[in-house]
Amino acid sequence: MQRRFDKRCAYCGRRPPSPLIMDHIVPVAKGGRHALANILPACGDCNGHKSDLLLVQWKQRPTYPRGR
């Protein structure tokens, strides 16, 4: 999966100095599955900001990393 995104965060596009983290698009806490189709590579900042929000909820918040 990281190769598909060129080792960049799927959300902000950065290549972080620390390893990317597996993020569930639909959080497991909200009924998402732990399956490849529901996982994207994310940097620690984006993963922390997204927390257990659905992707559509997170994109509507002012903390969403637009244009980093």
PDB file of N, CA and C in Angstrom:
ATOM      1  N   MET A   1       0.829  -1.189   0.000  1.00  0.00           N
ATOM      2  CA  MET A   1       0.000   0.000   0.000  1.00  0.00           C
ATOM      3  C   MET A   1       0.880   1.261   0.000  1.00  0.00           C
ATOM      4  N   GLN A   2       1.943   1.259   0.790  1.00  0.00           N
ATOM      5  CA  GLN A   2       2.802   2.442   0.841  1.00  0.00           C
ATOM      6  C   GLN A   2       3.459   2.695  -0.511  1.00  0.00           C
ATOM      7  N   ARG A   3       3.765   1.628  -1.232  1.00  0.00           N
ATOM      8  CA  ARG A   3       4.381   1.789  -2.554  1.00  0.00           C
ATOM      9  C   ARG A   3       3.402   2.488  -3.508  1.00  0.00           C
ATOM     10  N   ARG A   4       2.129   2.145  -3.404  1.00  0.00           N
ATOM     11  CA  ARG A   4       1.100   2.762  -4.248  1.00  0.00           C
ATOM     12  C   ARG A   4       1.048   4.279  -4.024  1.00  0.00           C
ATOM     13  N   PHE A   5       1.292   4.709  -2.806  1.00  0.00           N
ATOM     14  CA  PHE A   5       1.262   6.135  -2.471  1.00  0.00           C
ATOM     15  C   PHE A   5       2.668   6.745  -2.452  1.00  0.00           C
ATOM     16  N   ASP A   6       3.652   6.023  -2.977  1.00  0.00           N
ATOM     17  CA  ASP A   6       5.033   6.506  -3.051  1.00  0.00           C
ATOM     18  C   ASP A   6       5.578   6.909  -1.681  1.00  0.00           C
ATOM     19  N   LYS A   7       5.195   6.134  -0.671  1.00  0.00           N
ATOM     20  CA  LYS A   7       5.611   6.357   0.722  1.00  0.00           C
ATOM     21  C   LYS A   7       5.212   7.747   1.230  1.00  0.00           C
ATOM     22  N   ARG A   8       4.081   8.240   0.729  1.00  0.00           N
ATOM     23  CA  ARG A   8       3.533   9.525   1.159  1.00  0.00           C
ATOM     24  C   ARG A   8       2.218   9.290   1.898  1.00  0.00           C
ATOM     25  N   CYS A   9       1.893  10.223   2.762  1.00  0.00           N
ATOM     26  CA  CYS A   9       0.627  10.176   3.472  1.00  0.00           C
ATOM     27  C   CYS A   9      -0.504  10.306   2.451  1.00  0.00           C
ATOM     28  N   ALA A  10      -1.493   9.450   2.545  1.00  0.00           N
ATOM     29  CA  ALA A  10      -2.628   9.482   1.610  1.00  0.00           C
ATOM     30  C   ALA A  10      -3.466  10.748   1.781  1.00  0.00           C
ATOM     31  N   TYR A  11      -3.356  11.409   2.908  1.00  0.00           N
ATOM     32  CA  TYR A  11      -4.180  12.581   3.191  1.00  0.00           C
ATOM     33  C   TYR A  11      -3.489  13.899   2.846  1.00  0.00           C
ATOM     34  N   CYS A  12      -2.254  14.083   3.294  1.00  0.00           N
ATOM     35  CA  CYS A  12      -1.581  15.372   3.074  1.00  0.00           C
ATOM     36  C   CYS A  12      -0.490  15.303   2.008  1.00  0.00           C
ATOM     37  N   GLY A  13      -0.081  14.108   1.617  1.00  0.00           N
ATOM     38  CA  GLY A  13       0.915  13.956   0.566  1.00  0.00           C
ATOM     39  C   GLY A  13       2.355  14.089   1.005  1.00  0.00           C
ATOM     40  N   ARG A  14       2.584  14.306   2.297  1.00  0.00           N
ATOM     41  CA  ARG A  14       3.966  14.451   2.791  1.00  0.00           C
ATOM     42  C   ARG A  14       4.637  13.096   2.946  1.00  0.00           C
ATOM     43  N   ARG A  15       5.965  13.115   2.891  1.00  0.00           N
ATOM     44  CA  ARG A  15       6.784  11.952   3.253  1.00  0.00           C
ATOM     45  C   ARG A  15       7.339  12.240   4.640  1.00  0.00           C
ATOM     46  N   PRO A  16       6.728  11.660   5.665  1.00  0.00           N
ATOM     47  CA  PRO A  16       7.169  11.974   7.022  1.00  0.00           C
ATOM     48  C   PRO A  16       8.502  11.304   7.351  1.00  0.00           C
ATOM     49  N   PRO A  17       9.254  11.889   8.290  1.00  0.00           N
ATOM     50  CA  PRO A  17      10.520  11.285   8.705  1.00  0.00           C
ATOM     51  C   PRO A  17      10.309   9.976   9.473  1.00  0.00           C
ATOM     52  N   SER A  18       9.175   9.842  10.130  1.00  0.00           N
ATOM     53  CA  SER A  18       8.873   8.600  10.848  1.00  0.00           C
ATOM     54  C   SER A  18       7.988   7.718   9.963  1.00  0.00           C
ATOM     55  N   PRO A  19       7.911   6.434  10.268  1.00  0.00           N
ATOM     56  CA  PRO A  19       7.118   5.524   9.429  1.00  0.00           C
ATOM     57  C   PRO A  19       5.646   5.927   9.339  1.00  0.00           C
ATOM     58  N   LEU A  20       5.052   5.628   8.200  1.00  0.00           N
ATOM     59  CA  LEU A  20       3.623   5.873   8.026  1.00  0.00           C
ATOM     60  C   LEU A  20       2.829   4.903   8.901  1.00  0.00           C
ATOM     61  N   ILE A  21       1.613   5.294   9.225  1.00  0.00           N
ATOM     62  CA  ILE A  21       0.745   4.521  10.109  1.00  0.00           C
ATOM     63  C   ILE A  21      -0.454   4.031   9.308  1.00  0.00           C
ATOM     64  N   MET A  22      -0.895   2.850   9.612  1.00  0.00           N
ATOM     65  CA  MET A  22      -2.084   2.295   8.980  1.00  0.00           C
ATOM     66  C   MET A  22      -3.311   3.010   9.547  1.00  0.00           C
ATOM     67  N   ASP A  23      -4.114   3.622   8.668  1.00  0.00           N
ATOM     68  CA  ASP A  23      -5.314   4.320   9.111  1.00  0.00           C
ATOM     69  C   ASP A  23      -6.538   3.698   8.462  1.00  0.00           C
ATOM     70  N   HIS A  24      -7.567   3.493   9.263  1.00  0.00           N
ATOM     71  CA  HIS A  24      -8.821   2.944   8.749  1.00  0.00           C
ATOM     72  C   HIS A  24      -9.686   4.090   8.235  1.00  0.00           C
ATOM     73  N   ILE A  25     -10.102   4.033   6.977  1.00  0.00           N
ATOM     74  CA  ILE A  25     -10.946   5.064   6.383  1.00  0.00           C
ATOM     75  C   ILE A  25     -12.235   5.178   7.183  1.00  0.00           C
ATOM     76  N   VAL A  26     -12.900   4.057   7.371  1.00  0.00           N
ATOM     77  CA  VAL A  26     -14.044   3.977   8.287  1.00  0.00           C
ATOM     78  C   VAL A  26     -13.494   3.319   9.545  1.00  0.00           C
ATOM     79  N   PRO A  27     -13.363   4.062  10.638  1.00  0.00           N
ATOM     80  CA  PRO A  27     -12.753   3.518  11.855  1.00  0.00           C
ATOM     81  C   PRO A  27     -13.434   2.233  12.330  1.00  0.00           C
ATOM     82  N   VAL A  28     -12.624   1.331  12.838  1.00  0.00           N
ATOM     83  CA  VAL A  28     -13.133   0.073  13.386  1.00  0.00           C
ATOM     84  C   VAL A  28     -14.142   0.377  14.495  1.00  0.00           C
ATOM     85  N   ALA A  29     -13.893   1.439  15.264  1.00  0.00           N
ATOM     86  CA  ALA A  29     -14.806   1.828  16.346  1.00  0.00           C
ATOM     87  C   ALA A  29     -16.184   2.238  15.821  1.00  0.00           C
ATOM     88  N   LYS A  30     -16.258   2.555  14.534  1.00  0.00           N
ATOM     89  CA  LYS A  30     -17.540   2.952  13.943  1.00  0.00           C
ATOM     90  C   LYS A  30     -18.036   1.930  12.933  1.00  0.00           C
ATOM     91  N   GLY A  31     -17.596   0.695  13.082  1.00  0.00           N
ATOM     92  CA  GLY A  31     -18.094  -0.386  12.235  1.00  0.00           C
ATOM     93  C   GLY A  31     -17.257  -0.715  11.020  1.00  0.00           C
ATOM     94  N   GLY A  32     -16.133  -0.031  10.841  1.00  0.00           N
ATOM     95  CA  GLY A  32     -15.257  -0.325   9.708  1.00  0.00           C
ATOM     96  C   GLY A  32     -14.551  -1.654   9.888  1.00  0.00           C
ATOM     97  N   ARG A  33     -14.182  -2.249   8.786  1.00  0.00           N
ATOM     98  CA  ARG A  33     -13.492  -3.541   8.834  1.00  0.00           C
ATOM     99  C   ARG A  33     -11.987  -3.340   8.783  1.00  0.00           C
ATOM    100  N   HIS A  34     -11.272  -4.289   9.349  1.00  0.00           N
ATOM    101  CA  HIS A  34      -9.816  -4.291   9.266  1.00  0.00           C
ATOM    102  C   HIS A  34      -9.467  -5.070   7.997  1.00  0.00           C
ATOM    103  N   ALA A  35      -9.662  -4.392   6.860  1.00  0.00           N
ATOM    104  CA  ALA A  35      -9.445  -4.999   5.553  1.00  0.00           C
ATOM    105  C   ALA A  35      -8.689  -4.012   4.671  1.00  0.00           C
ATOM    106  N   LEU A  36      -7.948  -4.520   3.714  1.00  0.00           N
ATOM    107  CA  LEU A  36      -7.119  -3.682   2.849  1.00  0.00           C
ATOM    108  C   LEU A  36      -7.912  -2.568   2.171  1.00  0.00           C
ATOM    109  N   ALA A  37      -9.133  -2.826   1.792  1.00  0.00           N
ATOM    110  CA  ALA A  37      -9.959  -1.811   1.126  1.00  0.00           C
ATOM    111  C   ALA A  37     -10.336  -0.661   2.060  1.00  0.00           C
ATOM    112  N   ASN A  38     -10.134  -0.830   3.364  1.00  0.00           N
ATOM    113  CA  ASN A  38     -10.497   0.195   4.339  1.00  0.00           C
ATOM    114  C   ASN A  38      -9.267   0.818   5.004  1.00  0.00           C
ATOM    115  N   ILE A  39      -8.097   0.618   4.421  1.00  0.00           N
ATOM    116  CA  ILE A  39      -6.852   1.091   5.055  1.00  0.00           C
ATOM    117  C   ILE A  39      -6.065   1.965   4.084  1.00  0.00           C
ATOM    118  N   LEU A  40      -5.544   3.076   4.611  1.00  0.00           N
ATOM    119  CA  LEU A  40      -4.658   3.960   3.862  1.00  0.00           C
ATOM    120  C   LEU A  40      -3.439   4.279   4.722  1.00  0.00           C
ATOM    121  N   PRO A  41      -2.289   4.572   4.084  1.00  0.00           N
ATOM    122  CA  PRO A  41      -1.124   5.002   4.858  1.00  0.00           C
ATOM    123  C   PRO A  41      -1.273   6.467   5.252  1.00  0.00           C
ATOM    124  N   ALA A  42      -0.994   6.780   6.496  1.00  0.00           N
ATOM    125  CA  ALA A  42      -1.127   8.149   6.987  1.00  0.00           C
ATOM    126  C   ALA A  42       0.075   8.530   7.841  1.00  0.00           C
ATOM    127  N   CYS A  43       0.404   9.820   7.833  1.00  0.00           N
ATOM    128  CA  CYS A  43       1.449  10.302   8.736  1.00  0.00           C
ATOM    129  C   CYS A  43       0.838  10.405  10.138  1.00  0.00           C
ATOM    130  N   GLY A  44       1.674  10.508  11.125  1.00  0.00           N
ATOM    131  CA  GLY A  44       1.202  10.592  12.504  1.00  0.00           C
ATOM    132  C   GLY A  44       0.308  11.799  12.753  1.00  0.00           C
ATOM    133  N   ASP A  45       0.639  12.938  12.128  1.00  0.00           N
ATOM    134  CA  ASP A  45      -0.181  14.143  12.303  1.00  0.00           C
ATOM    135  C   ASP A  45      -1.601  13.928  11.787  1.00  0.00           C
ATOM    136  N   CYS A  46      -1.720  13.439  10.558  1.00  0.00           N
ATOM    137  CA  CYS A  46      -3.049  13.231   9.981  1.00  0.00           C
ATOM    138  C   CYS A  46      -3.821  12.157  10.734  1.00  0.00           C
ATOM    139  N   ASN A  47      -3.145  11.084  11.091  1.00  0.00           N
ATOM    140  CA  ASN A  47      -3.807  10.008  11.826  1.00  0.00           C
ATOM    141  C   ASN A  47      -4.317  10.524  13.171  1.00  0.00           C
ATOM    142  N   GLY A  48      -3.526  11.342  13.840  1.00  0.00           N
ATOM    143  CA  GLY A  48      -3.933  11.896  15.122  1.00  0.00           C
ATOM    144  C   GLY A  48      -5.097  12.870  15.000  1.00  0.00           C
ATOM    145  N   HIS A  49      -5.060  13.708  13.961  1.00  0.00           N
ATOM    146  CA  HIS A  49      -6.145  14.663  13.755  1.00  0.00           C
ATOM    147  C   HIS A  49      -7.441  13.971  13.355  1.00  0.00           C
ATOM    148  N   LYS A  50      -7.323  12.937  12.524  1.00  0.00           N
ATOM    149  CA  LYS A  50      -8.523  12.233  12.064  1.00  0.00           C
ATOM    150  C   LYS A  50      -9.161  11.464  13.208  1.00  0.00           C
ATOM    151  N   SER A  51      -8.346  10.875  14.044  1.00  0.00           N
ATOM    152  CA  SER A  51      -8.809  10.116  15.204  1.00  0.00           C
ATOM    153  C   SER A  51      -9.838   9.070  14.788  1.00  0.00           C
ATOM    154  N   ASP A  52     -11.014   9.078  15.401  1.00  0.00           N
ATOM    155  CA  ASP A  52     -12.020   8.058  15.056  1.00  0.00           C
ATOM    156  C   ASP A  52     -13.155   8.648  14.216  1.00  0.00           C
ATOM    157  N   LEU A  53     -12.849   9.730  13.493  1.00  0.00           N
ATOM    158  CA  LEU A  53     -13.857  10.336  12.623  1.00  0.00           C
ATOM    159  C   LEU A  53     -13.932   9.588  11.300  1.00  0.00           C
ATOM    160  N   LEU A  54     -15.099   9.633  10.683  1.00  0.00           N
ATOM    161  CA  LEU A  54     -15.219   9.141   9.313  1.00  0.00           C
ATOM    162  C   LEU A  54     -14.476  10.121   8.420  1.00  0.00           C
ATOM    163  N   LEU A  55     -13.971   9.658   7.307  1.00  0.00           N
ATOM    164  CA  LEU A  55     -13.205  10.516   6.412  1.00  0.00           C
ATOM    165  C   LEU A  55     -14.013  11.737   5.981  1.00  0.00           C
ATOM    166  N   VAL A  56     -15.280  11.567   5.662  1.00  0.00           N
ATOM    167  CA  VAL A  56     -16.107  12.708   5.246  1.00  0.00           C
ATOM    168  C   VAL A  56     -16.300  13.706   6.386  1.00  0.00           C
ATOM    169  N   GLN A  57     -16.370  13.237   7.619  1.00  0.00           N
ATOM    170  CA  GLN A  57     -16.488  14.144   8.764  1.00  0.00           C
ATOM    171  C   GLN A  57     -15.205  14.934   8.951  1.00  0.00           C
ATOM    172  N   TRP A  58     -14.081  14.254   8.846  1.00  0.00           N
ATOM    173  CA  TRP A  58     -12.782  14.888   9.053  1.00  0.00           C
ATOM    174  C   TRP A  58     -12.497  15.940   7.990  1.00  0.00           C
ATOM    175  N   LYS A  59     -12.851  15.654   6.731  1.00  0.00           N
ATOM    176  CA  LYS A  59     -12.600  16.606   5.646  1.00  0.00           C
ATOM    177  C   LYS A  59     -13.381  17.895   5.820  1.00  0.00           C
ATOM    178  N   GLN A  60     -14.452  17.868   6.566  1.00  0.00           N
ATOM    179  CA  GLN A  60     -15.262  19.064   6.793  1.00  0.00           C
ATOM    180  C   GLN A  60     -14.735  19.922   7.942  1.00  0.00           C
ATOM    181  N   ARG A  61     -13.804  19.391   8.715  1.00  0.00           N
ATOM    182  CA  ARG A  61     -13.273  20.139   9.866  1.00  0.00           C
ATOM    183  C   ARG A  61     -12.168  21.084   9.432  1.00  0.00           C
ATOM    184  N   PRO A  62     -11.984  22.187  10.138  1.00  0.00           N
ATOM    185  CA  PRO A  62     -10.914  23.140   9.784  1.00  0.00           C
ATOM    186  C   PRO A  62      -9.512  22.585   9.982  1.00  0.00           C
ATOM    187  N   THR A  63      -9.343  21.487  10.707  1.00  0.00           N
ATOM    188  CA  THR A  63      -8.011  20.910  10.938  1.00  0.00           C
ATOM    189  C   THR A  63      -7.583  20.001   9.793  1.00  0.00           C
ATOM    190  N   TYR A  64      -8.447  19.786   8.789  1.00  0.00           N
ATOM    191  CA  TYR A  64      -8.073  18.926   7.658  1.00  0.00           C
ATOM    192  C   TYR A  64      -6.893  19.565   6.923  1.00  0.00           C
ATOM    193  N   PRO A  65      -5.848  18.789   6.611  1.00  0.00           N
ATOM    194  CA  PRO A  65      -4.604  19.348   6.049  1.00  0.00           C
ATOM    195  C   PRO A  65      -4.698  19.714   4.565  1.00  0.00           C
ATOM    196  N   ARG A  66      -5.432  20.733   4.229  1.00  0.00           N
ATOM    197  CA  ARG A  66      -5.554  21.153   2.826  1.00  0.00           C
ATOM    198  C   ARG A  66      -4.253  21.801   2.353  1.00  0.00           C
ATOM    199  N   GLY A  67      -3.772  21.334   1.222  1.00  0.00           N
ATOM    200  CA  GLY A  67      -2.646  21.963   0.558  1.00  0.00           C
ATOM    201  C   GLY A  67      -1.346  22.011   1.313  1.00  0.00           C
ATOM    202  N   ARG A  68      -1.081  21.052   2.186  1.00  0.00           N
ATOM    203  CA  ARG A  68       0.210  21.050   2.878  1.00  0.00           C
ATOM    204  C   ARG A  68       1.307  20.689   1.939  1.00  0.00           C
TER     205      ARG A  68
END
